[in-house]
Amino acid sequence: MLKKLPIGAAIATVLLLSACQSTQQTVQGKEDLLSAAGFSIKPANSAARLAAMKKLPPHKFVQQTSGTNVVWLYADPTICQCVYFGDQTAWANYRAMVFQKQIANEQQMTAIMNQNSFDFGPW
C-alpha cells in the first residue's frame, strides 16, 4: 500500500497541474500548433471580417469548401481577433503535431508513474 501512495500522489499532482491550465493557455497552445502546422492568420480588422468571424463557432474547427478545395477555419474572437485558414496539408500537419504531443504527454505520465516502481529494499 505504501508503494502505491507515491504513484497515486504523482498522478494526482499531474492531473491537478493540468487542470490548472487556463482556457487562454489552452487556446494559445492550440494556436501555436496551428501556426507551426502551416495555417495562415487573417485578422478580423474590418467590420465585414469581424461579422464573418462572429458567424463561426469560437475556438472550434470548421471545414468549408472553396471551389474544389477544402479549407479548415479556426476562429479566435478572444485572443487574436483573427481566423486561421488551413488547407488539407496544414490540417494533416496539425493533427500529426497534436498526436505527437499526446504521445509525449503519455510518455511523461508513464515515467512519473514508474519512477518509484522498483523495490530498492533488498538492495
PDB file of N, CA and C in Angstrom:
ATOM      1  N   MET A   1       0.825  -1.196   0.000  1.00  0.00           N
ATOM      2  CA  MET A   1       0.000   0.000   0.000  1.00  0.00           C
ATOM      3  C   MET A   1       0.865   1.254   0.000  1.00  0.00           C
ATOM      4  N   LEU A   2       1.982   1.197   0.725  1.00  0.00           N
ATOM      5  CA  LEU A   2       2.843   2.371   0.790  1.00  0.00           C
ATOM      6  C   LEU A   2       3.468   2.693  -0.560  1.00  0.00           C
ATOM      7  N   LYS A   3       3.731   1.658  -1.365  1.00  0.00           N
ATOM      8  CA  LYS A   3       4.335   1.902  -2.672  1.00  0.00           C
ATOM      9  C   LYS A   3       3.343   2.550  -3.626  1.00  0.00           C
ATOM     10  N   LYS A   4       2.063   2.304  -3.437  1.00  0.00           N
ATOM     11  CA  LYS A   4       1.052   2.891  -4.310  1.00  0.00           C
ATOM     12  C   LYS A   4       0.805   4.356  -3.991  1.00  0.00           C
ATOM     13  N   LEU A   5       1.093   4.757  -2.792  1.00  0.00           N
ATOM     14  CA  LEU A   5       0.852   6.141  -2.395  1.00  0.00           C
ATOM     15  C   LEU A   5       1.662   7.133  -3.226  1.00  0.00           C
ATOM     16  N   PRO A   6       2.989   6.928  -3.419  1.00  0.00           N
ATOM     17  CA  PRO A   6       3.729   7.886  -4.251  1.00  0.00           C
ATOM     18  C   PRO A   6       3.232   7.921  -5.697  1.00  0.00           C
ATOM     19  N   ILE A   7       2.860   6.769  -6.247  1.00  0.00           N
ATOM     20  CA  ILE A   7       2.349   6.749  -7.614  1.00  0.00           C
ATOM     21  C   ILE A   7       1.025   7.499  -7.675  1.00  0.00           C
ATOM     22  N   GLY A   8       0.165   7.238  -6.711  1.00  0.00           N
ATOM     23  CA  GLY A   8      -1.114   7.943  -6.655  1.00  0.00           C
ATOM     24  C   GLY A   8      -0.924   9.435  -6.482  1.00  0.00           C
ATOM     25  N   ALA A   9       0.056   9.799  -5.644  1.00  0.00           N
ATOM     26  CA  ALA A   9       0.339  11.220  -5.436  1.00  0.00           C
ATOM     27  C   ALA A   9       0.862  11.857  -6.720  1.00  0.00           C
ATOM     28  N   ALA A  10       1.693  11.123  -7.454  1.00  0.00           N
ATOM     29  CA  ALA A  10       2.227  11.648  -8.714  1.00  0.00           C
ATOM     30  C   ALA A  10       1.109  11.853  -9.728  1.00  0.00           C
ATOM     31  N   ILE A  11       0.212  10.888  -9.820  1.00  0.00           N
ATOM     32  CA  ILE A  11      -0.908  11.011 -10.753  1.00  0.00           C
ATOM     33  C   ILE A  11      -1.790  12.189 -10.364  1.00  0.00           C
ATOM     34  N   ALA A  12      -2.078  12.301  -9.073  1.00  0.00           N
ATOM     35  CA  ALA A  12      -2.910  13.412  -8.603  1.00  0.00           C
ATOM     36  C   ALA A  12      -2.260  14.754  -8.901  1.00  0.00           C
ATOM     37  N   THR A  13      -0.940  14.835  -8.719  1.00  0.00           N
ATOM     38  CA  THR A  13      -0.222  16.080  -8.983  1.00  0.00           C
ATOM     39  C   THR A  13      -0.309  16.456 -10.458  1.00  0.00           C
ATOM     40  N   VAL A  14      -0.081  15.483 -11.335  1.00  0.00           N
ATOM     41  CA  VAL A  14      -0.139  15.751 -12.776  1.00  0.00           C
ATOM     42  C   VAL A  14      -1.547  16.187 -13.181  1.00  0.00           C
ATOM     43  N   LEU A  15      -2.554  15.499 -12.670  1.00  0.00           N
ATOM     44  CA  LEU A  15      -3.929  15.866 -13.007  1.00  0.00           C
ATOM     45  C   LEU A  15      -4.280  17.248 -12.484  1.00  0.00           C
ATOM     46  N   LEU A  16      -3.811  17.555 -11.288  1.00  0.00           N
ATOM     47  CA  LEU A  16      -4.080  18.866 -10.709  1.00  0.00           C
ATOM     48  C   LEU A  16      -3.419  19.971 -11.526  1.00  0.00           C
ATOM     49  N   LEU A  17      -2.171  19.742 -11.930  1.00  0.00           N
ATOM     50  CA  LEU A  17      -1.460  20.751 -12.713  1.00  0.00           C
ATOM     51  C   LEU A  17      -2.106  20.952 -14.075  1.00  0.00           C
ATOM     52  N   SER A  18      -2.555  19.867 -14.694  1.00  0.00           N
ATOM     53  CA  SER A  18      -3.198  20.022 -15.999  1.00  0.00           C
ATOM     54  C   SER A  18      -4.542  20.727 -15.864  1.00  0.00           C
ATOM     55  N   ALA A  19      -5.225  20.533 -14.750  1.00  0.00           N
ATOM     56  CA  ALA A  19      -6.499  21.216 -14.531  1.00  0.00           C
ATOM     57  C   ALA A  19      -6.303  22.706 -14.288  1.00  0.00           C
ATOM     58  N   CYS A  20      -5.131  23.084 -13.801  1.00  0.00           N
ATOM     59  CA  CYS A  20      -4.849  24.491 -13.516  1.00  0.00           C
ATOM     60  C   CYS A  20      -4.576  25.299 -14.780  1.00  0.00           C
ATOM     61  N   GLN A  21      -4.355  24.623 -15.888  1.00  0.00           N
ATOM     62  CA  GLN A  21      -4.073  25.334 -17.127  1.00  0.00           C
ATOM     63  C   GLN A  21      -5.318  26.115 -17.535  1.00  0.00           C
ATOM     64  N   SER A  22      -5.146  27.381 -17.772  1.00  0.00           N
ATOM     65  CA  SER A  22      -6.289  28.232 -18.093  1.00  0.00           C
ATOM     66  C   SER A  22      -6.753  28.006 -19.526  1.00  0.00           C
ATOM     67  N   THR A  23      -7.957  28.438 -19.792  1.00  0.00           N
ATOM     68  CA  THR A  23      -8.500  28.350 -21.144  1.00  0.00           C
ATOM     69  C   THR A  23      -7.637  29.141 -22.111  1.00  0.00           C
ATOM     70  N   GLN A  24      -7.154  30.295 -21.676  1.00  0.00           N
ATOM     71  CA  GLN A  24      -6.308  31.116 -22.543  1.00  0.00           C
ATOM     72  C   GLN A  24      -5.023  30.373 -22.893  1.00  0.00           C
ATOM     73  N   GLN A  25      -4.420  29.683 -21.926  1.00  0.00           N
ATOM     74  CA  GLN A  25      -3.206  28.922 -22.200  1.00  0.00           C
ATOM     75  C   GLN A  25      -3.493  27.783 -23.173  1.00  0.00           C
ATOM     76  N   THR A  26      -4.643  27.135 -23.004  1.00  0.00           N
ATOM     77  CA  THR A  26      -5.021  26.041 -23.895  1.00  0.00           C
ATOM     78  C   THR A  26      -5.207  26.550 -25.317  1.00  0.00           C
ATOM     79  N   VAL A  27      -5.925  27.654 -25.463  1.00  0.00           N
ATOM     80  CA  VAL A  27      -6.159  28.238 -26.785  1.00  0.00           C
ATOM     81  C   VAL A  27      -4.838  28.696 -27.391  1.00  0.00           C
ATOM     82  N   GLN A  28      -3.992  29.338 -26.605  1.00  0.00           N
ATOM     83  CA  GLN A  28      -2.706  29.821 -27.111  1.00  0.00           C
ATOM     84  C   GLN A  28      -1.845  28.657 -27.586  1.00  0.00           C
ATOM     85  N   GLY A  29      -1.845  27.565 -26.833  1.00  0.00           N
ATOM     86  CA  GLY A  29      -1.088  26.386 -27.247  1.00  0.00           C
ATOM     87  C   GLY A  29      -1.598  25.820 -28.558  1.00  0.00           C
ATOM     88  N   LYS A  30      -2.913  25.781 -28.712  1.00  0.00           N
ATOM     89  CA  LYS A  30      -3.511  25.285 -29.953  1.00  0.00           C
ATOM     90  C   LYS A  30      -3.133  26.201 -31.114  1.00  0.00           C
ATOM     91  N   GLU A  31      -3.163  27.507 -30.873  1.00  0.00           N
ATOM     92  CA  GLU A  31      -2.846  28.455 -31.941  1.00  0.00           C
ATOM     93  C   GLU A  31      -1.369  28.407 -32.324  1.00  0.00           C
ATOM     94  N   ASP A  32      -0.510  28.130 -31.368  1.00  0.00           N
ATOM     95  CA  ASP A  32       0.908  27.950 -31.689  1.00  0.00           C
ATOM     96  C   ASP A  32       1.082  26.751 -32.621  1.00  0.00           C
ATOM     97  N   LEU A  33       0.360  25.670 -32.341  1.00  0.00           N
ATOM     98  CA  LEU A  33       0.424  24.493 -33.207  1.00  0.00           C
ATOM     99  C   LEU A  33      -0.144  24.794 -34.595  1.00  0.00           C
ATOM    100  N   LEU A  34      -1.230  25.557 -34.645  1.00  0.00           N
ATOM    101  CA  LEU A  34      -1.818  25.914 -35.940  1.00  0.00           C
ATOM    102  C   LEU A  34      -0.816  26.672 -36.804  1.00  0.00           C
ATOM    103  N   SER A  35      -0.157  27.644 -36.215  1.00  0.00           N
ATOM    104  CA  SER A  35       0.840  28.424 -36.962  1.00  0.00           C
ATOM    105  C   SER A  35       1.980  27.532 -37.435  1.00  0.00           C
ATOM    106  N   ALA A  36       2.460  26.674 -36.546  1.00  0.00           N
ATOM    107  CA  ALA A  36       3.567  25.781 -36.901  1.00  0.00           C
ATOM    108  C   ALA A  36       3.154  24.780 -37.977  1.00  0.00           C
ATOM    109  N   ALA A  37       1.876  24.421 -38.014  1.00  0.00           N
ATOM    110  CA  ALA A  37       1.389  23.443 -38.988  1.00  0.00           C
ATOM    111  C   ALA A  37       1.176  24.038 -40.374  1.00  0.00           C
ATOM    112  N   GLY A  38       1.195  25.358 -40.476  1.00  0.00           N
ATOM    113  CA  GLY A  38       1.044  25.987 -41.779  1.00  0.00           C
ATOM    114  C   GLY A  38      -0.253  26.741 -41.989  1.00  0.00           C
ATOM    115  N   PHE A  39      -1.046  26.900 -40.941  1.00  0.00           N
ATOM    116  CA  PHE A  39      -2.255  27.715 -41.058  1.00  0.00           C
ATOM    117  C   PHE A  39      -1.849  29.179 -41.183  1.00  0.00           C
ATOM    118  N   SER A  40      -2.594  29.927 -41.991  1.00  0.00           N
ATOM    119  CA  SER A  40      -2.324  31.361 -42.104  1.00  0.00           C
ATOM    120  C   SER A  40      -3.314  32.115 -41.221  1.00  0.00           C
ATOM    121  N   ILE A  41      -2.866  33.245 -40.706  1.00  0.00           N
ATOM    122  CA  ILE A  41      -3.656  34.045 -39.778  1.00  0.00           C
ATOM    123  C   ILE A  41      -4.171  35.275 -40.518  1.00  0.00           C
ATOM    124  N   LYS A  42      -5.475  35.462 -40.461  1.00  0.00           N
ATOM    125  CA  LYS A  42      -6.090  36.646 -41.065  1.00  0.00           C
ATOM    126  C   LYS A  42      -6.801  37.420 -39.955  1.00  0.00           C
ATOM    127  N   PRO A  43      -6.360  38.644 -39.673  1.00  0.00           N
ATOM    128  CA  PRO A  43      -7.003  39.419 -38.607  1.00  0.00           C
ATOM    129  C   PRO A  43      -8.403  39.878 -39.016  1.00  0.00           C
ATOM    130  N   ALA A  44      -9.280  39.944 -38.044  1.00  0.00           N
ATOM    131  CA  ALA A  44     -10.629  40.480 -38.272  1.00  0.00           C
ATOM    132  C   ALA A  44     -10.545  41.991 -38.081  1.00  0.00           C
ATOM    133  N   ASN A  45      -9.913  42.657 -39.047  1.00  0.00           N
ATOM    134  CA  ASN A  45      -9.594  44.081 -38.917  1.00  0.00           C
ATOM    135  C   ASN A  45     -10.525  44.997 -39.710  1.00  0.00           C
ATOM    136  N   SER A  46     -11.668  44.476 -40.104  1.00  0.00           N
ATOM    137  CA  SER A  46     -12.687  45.313 -40.747  1.00  0.00           C
ATOM    138  C   SER A  46     -14.050  44.849 -40.241  1.00  0.00           C
ATOM    139  N   ALA A  47     -15.044  45.674 -40.457  1.00  0.00           N
ATOM    140  CA  ALA A  47     -16.393  45.324 -39.996  1.00  0.00           C
ATOM    141  C   ALA A  47     -16.883  44.042 -40.673  1.00  0.00           C
ATOM    142  N   ALA A  48     -16.584  43.898 -41.963  1.00  0.00           N
ATOM    143  CA  ALA A  48     -17.025  42.709 -42.701  1.00  0.00           C
ATOM    144  C   ALA A  48     -16.332  41.451 -42.178  1.00  0.00           C
ATOM    145  N   ARG A  49     -15.015  41.539 -41.937  1.00  0.00           N
ATOM    146  CA  ARG A  49     -14.280  40.382 -41.415  1.00  0.00           C
ATOM    147  C   ARG A  49     -14.732  40.028 -40.002  1.00  0.00           C
ATOM    148  N   LEU A  50     -14.979  41.042 -39.184  1.00  0.00           N
ATOM    149  CA  LEU A  50     -15.438  40.811 -37.819  1.00  0.00           C
ATOM    150  C   LEU A  50     -16.799  40.110 -37.829  1.00  0.00           C
ATOM    151  N   ALA A  51     -17.694  40.563 -38.692  1.00  0.00           N
ATOM    152  CA  ALA A  51     -19.016  39.936 -38.802  1.00  0.00           C
ATOM    153  C   ALA A  51     -18.898  38.492 -39.286  1.00  0.00           C
ATOM    154  N   ALA A  52     -18.014  38.257 -40.258  1.00  0.00           N
ATOM    155  CA  ALA A  52     -17.814  36.898 -40.769  1.00  0.00           C
ATOM    156  C   ALA A  52     -17.230  35.994 -39.685  1.00  0.00           C
ATOM    157  N   MET A  53     -16.268  36.515 -38.907  1.00  0.00           N
ATOM    158  CA  MET A  53     -15.657  35.729 -37.838  1.00  0.00           C
ATOM    159  C   MET A  53     -16.697  35.352 -36.785  1.00  0.00           C
ATOM    160  N   LYS A  54     -17.601  36.271 -36.483  1.00  0.00           N
ATOM    161  CA  LYS A  54     -18.612  36.018 -35.448  1.00  0.00           C
ATOM    162  C   LYS A  54     -19.619  34.952 -35.861  1.00  0.00           C
ATOM    163  N   LYS A  55     -19.693  34.645 -37.157  1.00  0.00           N
ATOM    164  CA  LYS A  55     -20.580  33.580 -37.627  1.00  0.00           C
ATOM    165  C   LYS A  55     -19.984  32.197 -37.371  1.00  0.00           C
ATOM    166  N   LEU A  56     -18.684  32.155 -37.109  1.00  0.00           N
ATOM    167  CA  LEU A  56     -18.010  30.881 -36.844  1.00  0.00           C
ATOM    168  C   LEU A  56     -18.040  30.575 -35.351  1.00  0.00           C
ATOM    169  N   PRO A  57     -18.088  29.300 -34.984  1.00  0.00           N
ATOM    170  CA  PRO A  57     -18.028  28.966 -33.559  1.00  0.00           C
ATOM    171  C   PRO A  57     -16.633  29.284 -33.015  1.00  0.00           C
ATOM    172  N   PRO A  58     -16.545  29.944 -31.860  1.00  0.00           N
ATOM    173  CA  PRO A  58     -15.227  30.303 -31.330  1.00  0.00           C
ATOM    174  C   PRO A  58     -14.432  29.078 -30.883  1.00  0.00           C
ATOM    175  N   HIS A  59     -13.163  29.087 -31.246  1.00  0.00           N
ATOM    176  CA  HIS A  59     -12.201  28.063 -30.819  1.00  0.00           C
ATOM    177  C   HIS A  59     -12.616  26.654 -31.219  1.00  0.00           C
ATOM    178  N   LYS A  60     -13.251  26.542 -32.377  1.00  0.00           N
ATOM    179  CA  LYS A  60     -13.654  25.248 -32.935  1.00  0.00           C
ATOM    180  C   LYS A  60     -13.238  25.210 -34.401  1.00  0.00           C
ATOM    181  N   PHE A  61     -12.958  24.014 -34.891  1.00  0.00           N
ATOM    182  CA  PHE A  61     -12.612  23.860 -36.296  1.00  0.00           C
ATOM    183  C   PHE A  61     -13.871  23.726 -37.137  1.00  0.00           C
ATOM    184  N   VAL A  62     -13.841  24.375 -38.293  1.00  0.00           N
ATOM    185  CA  VAL A  62     -14.935  24.294 -39.255  1.00  0.00           C
ATOM    186  C   VAL A  62     -14.320  23.956 -40.603  1.00  0.00           C
ATOM    187  N   GLN A  63     -14.889  22.962 -41.258  1.00  0.00           N
ATOM    188  CA  GLN A  63     -14.428  22.574 -42.583  1.00  0.00           C
ATOM    189  C   GLN A  63     -15.352  23.196 -43.620  1.00  0.00           C
ATOM    190  N   GLN A  64     -14.780  23.899 -44.579  1.00  0.00           N
ATOM    191  CA  GLN A  64     -15.540  24.541 -45.658  1.00  0.00           C
ATOM    192  C   GLN A  64     -14.921  24.127 -46.988  1.00  0.00           C
ATOM    193  N   THR A  65     -15.694  24.243 -48.033  1.00  0.00           N
ATOM    194  CA  THR A  65     -15.135  24.034 -49.365  1.00  0.00           C
ATOM    195  C   THR A  65     -15.178  25.354 -50.116  1.00  0.00           C
ATOM    196  N   SER A  66     -14.089  25.632 -50.779  1.00  0.00           N
ATOM    197  CA  SER A  66     -13.973  26.823 -51.611  1.00  0.00           C
ATOM    198  C   SER A  66     -13.642  26.332 -53.019  1.00  0.00           C
ATOM    199  N   GLY A  67     -14.664  26.241 -53.855  1.00  0.00           N
ATOM    200  CA  GLY A  67     -14.467  25.635 -55.170  1.00  0.00           C
ATOM    201  C   GLY A  67     -14.262  24.141 -54.987  1.00  0.00           C
ATOM    202  N   THR A  68     -13.098  23.656 -55.388  1.00  0.00           N
ATOM    203  CA  THR A  68     -12.776  22.233 -55.206  1.00  0.00           C
ATOM    204  C   THR A  68     -11.834  22.009 -54.027  1.00  0.00           C
ATOM    205  N   ASN A  69     -11.462  23.082 -53.359  1.00  0.00           N
ATOM    206  CA  ASN A  69     -10.511  22.980 -52.248  1.00  0.00           C
ATOM    207  C   ASN A  69     -11.221  22.919 -50.900  1.00  0.00           C
ATOM    208  N   VAL A  70     -10.676  22.098 -50.012  1.00  0.00           N
ATOM    209  CA  VAL A  70     -11.163  22.043 -48.637  1.00  0.00           C
ATOM    210  C   VAL A  70     -10.338  23.027 -47.819  1.00  0.00           C
ATOM    211  N   VAL A  71     -11.033  23.859 -47.051  1.00  0.00           N
ATOM    212  CA  VAL A  71     -10.370  24.854 -46.205  1.00  0.00           C
ATOM    213  C   VAL A  71     -10.826  24.621 -44.771  1.00  0.00           C
ATOM    214  N   TRP A  72      -9.864  24.611 -43.855  1.00  0.00           N
ATOM    215  CA  TRP A  72     -10.156  24.485 -42.431  1.00  0.00           C
ATOM    216  C   TRP A  72     -10.062  25.862 -41.798  1.00  0.00           C
ATOM    217  N   LEU A  73     -11.084  26.233 -41.026  1.00  0.00           N
ATOM    218  CA  LEU A  73     -11.142  27.537 -40.369  1.00  0.00           C
ATOM    219  C   LEU A  73     -11.152  27.341 -38.858  1.00  0.00           C
ATOM    220  N   TYR A  74     -10.488  28.256 -38.168  1.00  0.00           N
ATOM    221  CA  TYR A  74     -10.477  28.259 -36.705  1.00  0.00           C
ATOM    222  C   TYR A  74     -10.568  29.718 -36.273  1.00  0.00           C
ATOM    223  N   ALA A  75     -11.702  30.095 -35.692  1.00  0.00           N
ATOM    224  CA  ALA A  75     -11.927  31.488 -35.294  1.00  0.00           C
ATOM    225  C   ALA A  75     -11.504  31.709 -33.849  1.00  0.00           C
ATOM    226  N   ASP A  76     -10.775  32.799 -33.621  1.00  0.00           N
ATOM    227  CA  ASP A  76     -10.378  33.188 -32.265  1.00  0.00           C
ATOM    228  C   ASP A  76     -10.838  34.615 -31.996  1.00  0.00           C
ATOM    229  N   PRO A  77     -12.029  34.769 -31.435  1.00  0.00           N
ATOM    230  CA  PRO A  77     -12.513  36.113 -31.134  1.00  0.00           C
ATOM    231  C   PRO A  77     -11.978  36.676 -29.818  1.00  0.00           C
ATOM    232  N   THR A  78     -11.289  35.864 -29.019  1.00  0.00           N
ATOM    233  CA  THR A  78     -10.884  36.317 -27.683  1.00  0.00           C
ATOM    234  C   THR A  78      -9.430  36.743 -27.572  1.00  0.00           C
ATOM    235  N   ILE A  79      -8.521  36.039 -28.210  1.00  0.00           N
ATOM    236  CA  ILE A  79      -7.097  36.343 -28.022  1.00  0.00           C
ATOM    237  C   ILE A  79      -6.553  37.204 -29.154  1.00  0.00           C
ATOM    238  N   CYS A  80      -6.664  36.715 -30.387  1.00  0.00           N
ATOM    239  CA  CYS A  80      -6.057  37.469 -31.501  1.00  0.00           C
ATOM    240  C   CYS A  80      -7.076  38.194 -32.373  1.00  0.00           C
ATOM    241  N   GLN A  81      -8.361  37.974 -32.146  1.00  0.00           N
ATOM    242  CA  GLN A  81      -9.390  38.560 -33.018  1.00  0.00           C
ATOM    243  C   GLN A  81      -9.055  38.240 -34.474  1.00  0.00           C
ATOM    244  N   CYS A  82      -8.915  36.934 -34.756  1.00  0.00           N
ATOM    245  CA  CYS A  82      -8.484  36.521 -36.086  1.00  0.00           C
ATOM    246  C   CYS A  82      -9.118  35.183 -36.448  1.00  0.00           C
ATOM    247  N   VAL A  83      -8.914  34.794 -37.704  1.00  0.00           N
ATOM    248  CA  VAL A  83      -9.335  33.484 -38.187  1.00  0.00           C
ATOM    249  C   VAL A  83      -8.110  32.821 -38.800  1.00  0.00           C
ATOM    250  N   TYR A  84      -7.891  31.571 -38.431  1.00  0.00           N
ATOM    251  CA  TYR A  84      -6.817  30.767 -39.010  1.00  0.00           C
ATOM    252  C   TYR A  84      -7.388  30.007 -40.199  1.00  0.00           C
ATOM    253  N   PHE A  85      -6.665  30.028 -41.326  1.00  0.00           N
ATOM    254  CA  PHE A  85      -7.065  29.330 -42.538  1.00  0.00           C
ATOM    255  C   PHE A  85      -6.012  28.279 -42.860  1.00  0.00           C
ATOM    256  N   GLY A  86      -6.465  27.049 -43.129  1.00  0.00           N
ATOM    257  CA  GLY A  86      -5.528  25.997 -43.487  1.00  0.00           C
ATOM    258  C   GLY A  86      -6.096  25.081 -44.548  1.00  0.00           C
ATOM    259  N   ASP A  87      -5.217  24.549 -45.376  1.00  0.00           N
ATOM    260  CA  ASP A  87      -5.632  23.571 -46.375  1.00  0.00           C
ATOM    261  C   ASP A  87      -5.504  22.164 -45.775  1.00  0.00           C
ATOM    262  N   GLN A  88      -5.710  21.150 -46.608  1.00  0.00           N
ATOM    263  CA  GLN A  88      -5.641  19.772 -46.116  1.00  0.00           C
ATOM    264  C   GLN A  88      -4.254  19.429 -45.574  1.00  0.00           C
ATOM    265  N   THR A  89      -3.214  19.957 -46.196  1.00  0.00           N
ATOM    266  CA  THR A  89      -1.853  19.694 -45.725  1.00  0.00           C
ATOM    267  C   THR A  89      -1.634  20.294 -44.348  1.00  0.00           C
ATOM    268  N   ALA A  90      -2.066  21.529 -44.159  1.00  0.00           N
ATOM    269  CA  ALA A  90      -1.927  22.175 -42.848  1.00  0.00           C
ATOM    270  C   ALA A  90      -2.727  21.416 -41.794  1.00  0.00           C
ATOM    271  N   TRP A  91      -3.936  20.965 -42.160  1.00  0.00           N
ATOM    272  CA  TRP A  91      -4.771  20.205 -41.229  1.00  0.00           C
ATOM    273  C   TRP A  91      -4.086  18.890 -40.844  1.00  0.00           C
ATOM    274  N   ALA A  92      -3.531  18.186 -41.834  1.00  0.00           N
ATOM    275  CA  ALA A  92      -2.831  16.929 -41.552  1.00  0.00           C
ATOM    276  C   ALA A  92      -1.610  17.179 -40.670  1.00  0.00           C
ATOM    277  N   ASN A  93      -0.874  18.257 -40.946  1.00  0.00           N
ATOM    278  CA  ASN A  93       0.281  18.611 -40.110  1.00  0.00           C
ATOM    279  C   ASN A  93      -0.152  18.893 -38.677  1.00  0.00           C
ATOM    280  N   TYR A  94      -1.240  19.642 -38.519  1.00  0.00           N
ATOM    281  CA  TYR A  94      -1.748  19.972 -37.181  1.00  0.00           C
ATOM    282  C   TYR A  94      -2.131  18.704 -36.428  1.00  0.00           C
ATOM    283  N   ARG A  95      -2.892  17.811 -37.074  1.00  0.00           N
ATOM    284  CA  ARG A  95      -3.319  16.573 -36.415  1.00  0.00           C
ATOM    285  C   ARG A  95      -2.113  15.723 -36.013  1.00  0.00           C
ATOM    286  N   ALA A  96      -1.092  15.669 -36.869  1.00  0.00           N
ATOM    287  CA  ALA A  96       0.115  14.905 -36.542  1.00  0.00           C
ATOM    288  C   ALA A  96       0.833  15.516 -35.339  1.00  0.00           C
ATOM    289  N   MET A  97       0.884  16.835 -35.280  1.00  0.00           N
ATOM    290  CA  MET A  97       1.547  17.506 -34.156  1.00  0.00           C
ATOM    291  C   MET A  97       0.782  17.280 -32.854  1.00  0.00           C
ATOM    292  N   VAL A  98      -0.541  17.315 -32.921  1.00  0.00           N
ATOM    293  CA  VAL A  98      -1.360  17.053 -31.732  1.00  0.00           C
ATOM    294  C   VAL A  98      -1.132  15.619 -31.259  1.00  0.00           C
ATOM    295  N   PHE A  99      -1.077  14.685 -32.197  1.00  0.00           N
ATOM    296  CA  PHE A  99      -0.842  13.281 -31.860  1.00  0.00           C
ATOM    297  C   PHE A  99       0.517  13.106 -31.192  1.00  0.00           C
ATOM    298  N   GLN A 100       1.549  13.738 -31.750  1.00  0.00           N
ATOM    299  CA  GLN A 100       2.889  13.644 -31.159  1.00  0.00           C
ATOM    300  C   GLN A 100       2.920  14.241 -29.754  1.00  0.00           C
ATOM    301  N   LYS A 101       2.197  15.328 -29.563  1.00  0.00           N
ATOM    302  CA  LYS A 101       2.140  15.960 -28.243  1.00  0.00           C
ATOM    303  C   LYS A 101       1.451  15.040 -27.236  1.00  0.00           C
ATOM    304  N   GLN A 102       0.393  14.360 -27.673  1.00  0.00           N
ATOM    305  CA  GLN A 102      -0.303  13.424 -26.792  1.00  0.00           C
ATOM    306  C   GLN A 102       0.603  12.258 -26.412  1.00  0.00           C
ATOM    307  N   ILE A 103       1.362  11.755 -27.377  1.00  0.00           N
ATOM    308  CA  ILE A 103       2.292  10.661 -27.085  1.00  0.00           C
ATOM    309  C   ILE A 103       3.337  11.119 -26.076  1.00  0.00           C
ATOM    310  N   ALA A 104       3.883  12.311 -26.273  1.00  0.00           N
ATOM    311  CA  ALA A 104       4.883  12.837 -25.333  1.00  0.00           C
ATOM    312  C   ALA A 104       4.291  12.988 -23.937  1.00  0.00           C
ATOM    313  N   ASN A 105       3.056  13.470 -23.843  1.00  0.00           N
ATOM    314  CA  ASN A 105       2.399  13.613 -22.540  1.00  0.00           C
ATOM    315  C   ASN A 105       2.186  12.258 -21.879  1.00  0.00           C
ATOM    316  N   GLU A 106       1.788  11.249 -22.665  1.00  0.00           N
ATOM    317  CA  GLU A 106       1.593   9.909 -22.120  1.00  0.00           C
ATOM    318  C   GLU A 106       2.914   9.313 -21.646  1.00  0.00           C
ATOM    319  N   GLN A 107       3.984   9.537 -22.410  1.00  0.00           N
ATOM    320  CA  GLN A 107       5.293   9.026 -22.005  1.00  0.00           C
ATOM    321  C   GLN A 107       5.753   9.689 -20.714  1.00  0.00           C
ATOM    322  N   GLN A 108       5.493  10.970 -20.583  1.00  0.00           N
ATOM    323  CA  GLN A 108       5.861  11.675 -19.355  1.00  0.00           C
ATOM    324  C   GLN A 108       5.058  11.135 -18.175  1.00  0.00           C
ATOM    325  N   MET A 109       3.779  10.899 -18.381  1.00  0.00           N
ATOM    326  CA  MET A 109       2.927  10.357 -17.319  1.00  0.00           C
ATOM    327  C   MET A 109       3.399   8.956 -16.923  1.00  0.00           C
ATOM    328  N   THR A 110       3.756   8.139 -17.903  1.00  0.00           N
ATOM    329  CA  THR A 110       4.252   6.794 -17.620  1.00  0.00           C
ATOM    330  C   THR A 110       5.546   6.858 -16.828  1.00  0.00           C
ATOM    331  N   ALA A 111       6.433   7.762 -17.202  1.00  0.00           N
ATOM    332  CA  ALA A 111       7.700   7.908 -16.475  1.00  0.00           C
ATOM    333  C   ALA A 111       7.454   8.332 -15.036  1.00  0.00           C
ATOM    334  N   ILE A 112       6.527   9.239 -14.829  1.00  0.00           N
ATOM    335  CA  ILE A 112       6.211   9.689 -13.464  1.00  0.00           C
ATOM    336  C   ILE A 112       5.632   8.541 -12.654  1.00  0.00           C
ATOM    337  N   MET A 113       4.732   7.774 -13.270  1.00  0.00           N
ATOM    338  CA  MET A 113       4.095   6.676 -12.549  1.00  0.00           C
ATOM    339  C   MET A 113       5.083   5.562 -12.216  1.00  0.00           C
ATOM    340  N   ASN A 114       6.094   5.363 -13.062  1.00  0.00           N
ATOM    341  CA  ASN A 114       7.028   4.256 -12.864  1.00  0.00           C
ATOM    342  C   ASN A 114       8.300   4.636 -12.124  1.00  0.00           C
ATOM    343  N   GLN A 115       8.452   5.887 -11.748  1.00  0.00           N
ATOM    344  CA  GLN A 115       9.705   6.291 -11.126  1.00  0.00           C
ATOM    345  C   GLN A 115       9.934   5.620  -9.781  1.00  0.00           C
ATOM    346  N   ASN A 116       8.876   5.214  -9.101  1.00  0.00           N
ATOM    347  CA  ASN A 116       9.022   4.562  -7.804  1.00  0.00           C
ATOM    348  C   ASN A 116       8.612   3.099  -7.843  1.00  0.00           C
ATOM    349  N   SER A 117       8.581   2.488  -9.024  1.00  0.00           N
ATOM    350  CA  SER A 117       8.089   1.120  -9.125  1.00  0.00           C
ATOM    351  C   SER A 117       9.135   0.075  -8.744  1.00  0.00           C
ATOM    352  N   PHE A 118      10.408   0.397  -8.793  1.00  0.00           N
ATOM    353  CA  PHE A 118      11.447  -0.565  -8.432  1.00  0.00           C
ATOM    354  C   PHE A 118      11.589  -0.625  -6.920  1.00  0.00           C
ATOM    355  N   ASP A 119      11.646  -1.834  -6.401  1.00  0.00           N
ATOM    356  CA  ASP A 119      11.774  -2.040  -4.960  1.00  0.00           C
ATOM    357  C   ASP A 119      13.258  -2.072  -4.601  1.00  0.00           C
ATOM    358  N   PHE A 120      13.751  -0.982  -4.028  1.00  0.00           N
ATOM    359  CA  PHE A 120      15.152  -0.896  -3.639  1.00  0.00           C
ATOM    360  C   PHE A 120      15.423  -1.550  -2.287  1.00  0.00           C
ATOM    361  N   GLY A 121      14.376  -2.008  -1.597  1.00  0.00           N
ATOM    362  CA  GLY A 121      14.519  -2.579  -0.261  1.00  0.00           C
ATOM    363  C   GLY A 121      15.600  -3.638  -0.141  1.00  0.00           C
ATOM    364  N   PRO A 122      15.608  -4.667  -0.991  1.00  0.00           N
ATOM    365  CA  PRO A 122      16.629  -5.713  -0.847  1.00  0.00           C
ATOM    366  C   PRO A 122      18.030  -5.256  -1.239  1.00  0.00           C
ATOM    367  N   TRP A 123      18.162  -4.145  -1.894  1.00  0.00           N
ATOM    368  CA  TRP A 123      19.472  -3.702  -2.374  1.00  0.00           C
ATOM    369  C   TRP A 123      20.075  -2.776  -1.368  1.00  0.00           C
TER     370      TRP A 123
END
